[in-house]
Amino acid sequence: MADIQHPITGLDDTVHQRVRLAIMTTLCDGMEVEFSYLRTTLGLTDGNLGRHLELLAQRGYISMRKTYNGRRQRSWIQLTPVGEAALAAEARVLRSILATIDGVNHAESVP
């Protein structure tokens, strides 16, 4: 019998973590957003968001750039092509898991 792995083995722990998944799905439209927009939208503290962004940047999933408005620094975040691919792969795995659930539910409803 062939070794069959559950679809969950395909999840990327970096992407799948709920805050990082929320960050990446917020950025998935290709737009560059400001740090404060992500912080407010996701209801995070500066430190918490910063740590998640740092991890995503280390993996190459996002790019960050800094600008200045007078003396005030602004940070801009955007999903990279590597991040887009990782998010697409995560979505495929999640769809596969849901298909497994749907198959079980469908089998239960067949007389």
Protein backbone atom coordinates (compact mmCIF):
# COMPACT_ATOMS: atom_id res chain seq x y z
CA MET A 1 0.00 0.00 0.00
CA ALA A 2 1.36 3.41 -0.96
CA ASP A 3 2.08 5.97 1.73
CA ILE A 4 -0.74 8.47 1.58
CA GLN A 5 -0.26 11.68 3.50
CA HIS A 6 -3.07 13.80 4.84
CA PRO A 7 -3.36 17.17 3.07
CA ILE A 8 -2.53 18.93 6.34
CA THR A 9 1.13 17.98 5.80
CA GLY A 10 1.18 20.53 2.97
CA LEU A 11 0.39 23.50 5.20
CA ASP A 12 3.13 26.11 5.55
CA ASP A 13 3.38 26.91 9.26
CA THR A 14 4.65 30.40 8.49
CA VAL A 15 1.60 31.21 6.35
CA HIS A 16 -0.94 29.18 8.28
CA GLN A 17 -0.54 31.00 11.60
CA ARG A 18 -3.75 33.03 11.88
CA VAL A 19 -2.23 36.54 12.12
CA ARG A 20 0.24 35.92 9.30
CA LEU A 21 -2.51 34.40 7.16
CA ALA A 22 -4.61 37.51 7.83
CA ILE A 23 -1.68 39.77 6.87
CA MET A 24 -1.06 37.88 3.65
CA THR A 25 -4.72 37.78 2.63
CA THR A 26 -4.99 41.51 3.30
CA LEU A 27 -2.03 42.05 0.97
CA CYS A 28 -3.12 39.55 -1.71
CA ASP A 29 -4.65 42.18 -4.01
CA GLY A 30 -1.16 43.41 -4.88
CA MET A 31 -1.52 46.73 -3.15
CA GLU A 32 1.10 48.17 -0.85
CA VAL A 33 -0.37 49.08 2.52
CA GLU A 34 0.88 51.11 5.44
CA PHE A 35 1.81 49.48 8.75
CA SER A 36 -0.87 51.45 10.60
CA TYR A 37 -3.56 50.17 8.20
CA LEU A 38 -2.62 46.56 8.97
CA ARG A 39 -2.39 47.28 12.69
CA THR A 40 -5.87 48.82 12.77
CA THR A 41 -7.50 46.37 10.38
CA LEU A 42 -6.20 43.33 12.24
CA GLY A 43 -6.49 44.80 15.75
CA LEU A 44 -2.86 44.21 16.67
CA THR A 45 -0.31 46.05 18.74
CA ASP A 46 2.73 47.59 17.05
CA GLY A 47 5.04 44.99 18.58
CA ASN A 48 2.86 42.02 17.69
CA LEU A 49 2.41 43.12 14.09
CA GLY A 50 6.09 44.00 13.79
CA ARG A 51 7.16 40.52 14.89
CA HIS A 52 4.85 38.81 12.38
CA LEU A 53 6.02 41.11 9.59
CA GLU A 54 9.63 40.36 10.50
CA LEU A 55 9.01 36.61 10.15
CA LEU A 56 7.22 37.04 6.82
CA ALA A 57 10.04 39.25 5.54
CA GLN A 58 12.67 36.70 6.61
CA ARG A 59 10.90 34.07 4.49
CA GLY A 60 10.74 36.50 1.56
CA TYR A 61 6.94 36.56 1.61
CA ILE A 62 6.65 40.33 2.02
CA SER A 63 8.72 43.39 1.25
CA MET A 64 8.85 46.42 3.49
CA ARG A 65 10.01 49.90 2.70
CA LYS A 66 10.27 53.00 4.85
CA THR A 67 9.36 56.53 3.87
CA TYR A 68 9.30 59.74 5.82
CA ASN A 69 6.54 62.30 6.13
CA GLY A 70 8.49 65.13 7.67
CA ARG A 71 10.08 63.56 10.72
CA ARG A 72 7.50 60.78 10.91
CA GLN A 73 8.54 57.41 9.56
CA ARG A 74 5.99 55.34 7.61
CA SER A 75 6.39 51.66 6.81
CA TRP A 76 4.84 50.17 3.68
CA ILE A 77 4.26 46.44 3.23
CA GLN A 78 3.59 44.44 0.08
CA LEU A 79 3.32 40.75 -0.76
CA THR A 80 6.21 39.51 -2.91
CA PRO A 81 5.88 37.01 -5.78
CA VAL A 82 7.28 34.37 -3.38
CA GLY A 83 4.58 35.34 -0.88
CA GLU A 84 1.89 35.19 -3.55
CA ALA A 85 3.02 31.66 -4.46
CA ALA A 86 3.08 30.59 -0.79
CA LEU A 87 -0.41 31.98 -0.22
CA ALA A 88 -1.72 30.26 -3.37
CA ALA A 89 -0.18 26.96 -2.21
CA GLU A 90 -1.77 27.39 1.22
CA ALA A 91 -5.15 28.02 -0.40
CA ARG A 92 -4.79 24.82 -2.48
CA VAL A 93 -4.04 22.77 0.62
CA LEU A 94 -6.96 24.31 2.51
CA ARG A 95 -9.27 23.55 -0.44
CA SER A 96 -8.01 19.96 -0.41
CA ILE A 97 -8.78 19.66 3.30
CA LEU A 98 -12.25 21.13 2.75
CA ALA A 99 -12.85 18.70 -0.12
CA THR A 100 -12.06 15.86 2.29
CA ILE A 101 -14.62 17.23 4.75
CA ASP A 102 -17.17 17.77 1.98
CA GLY A 103 -16.63 14.21 0.78
CA VAL A 104 -17.30 12.83 4.25
CA ASN A 105 -20.39 15.01 4.65
CA HIS A 106 -21.64 14.06 1.19
CA ALA A 107 -21.11 10.34 1.90
CA GLU A 108 -23.13 10.64 5.13
CA SER A 109 -26.08 12.18 3.29
CA VAL A 110 -26.27 9.47 0.61
CA PRO A 111 -28.92 6.84 1.54
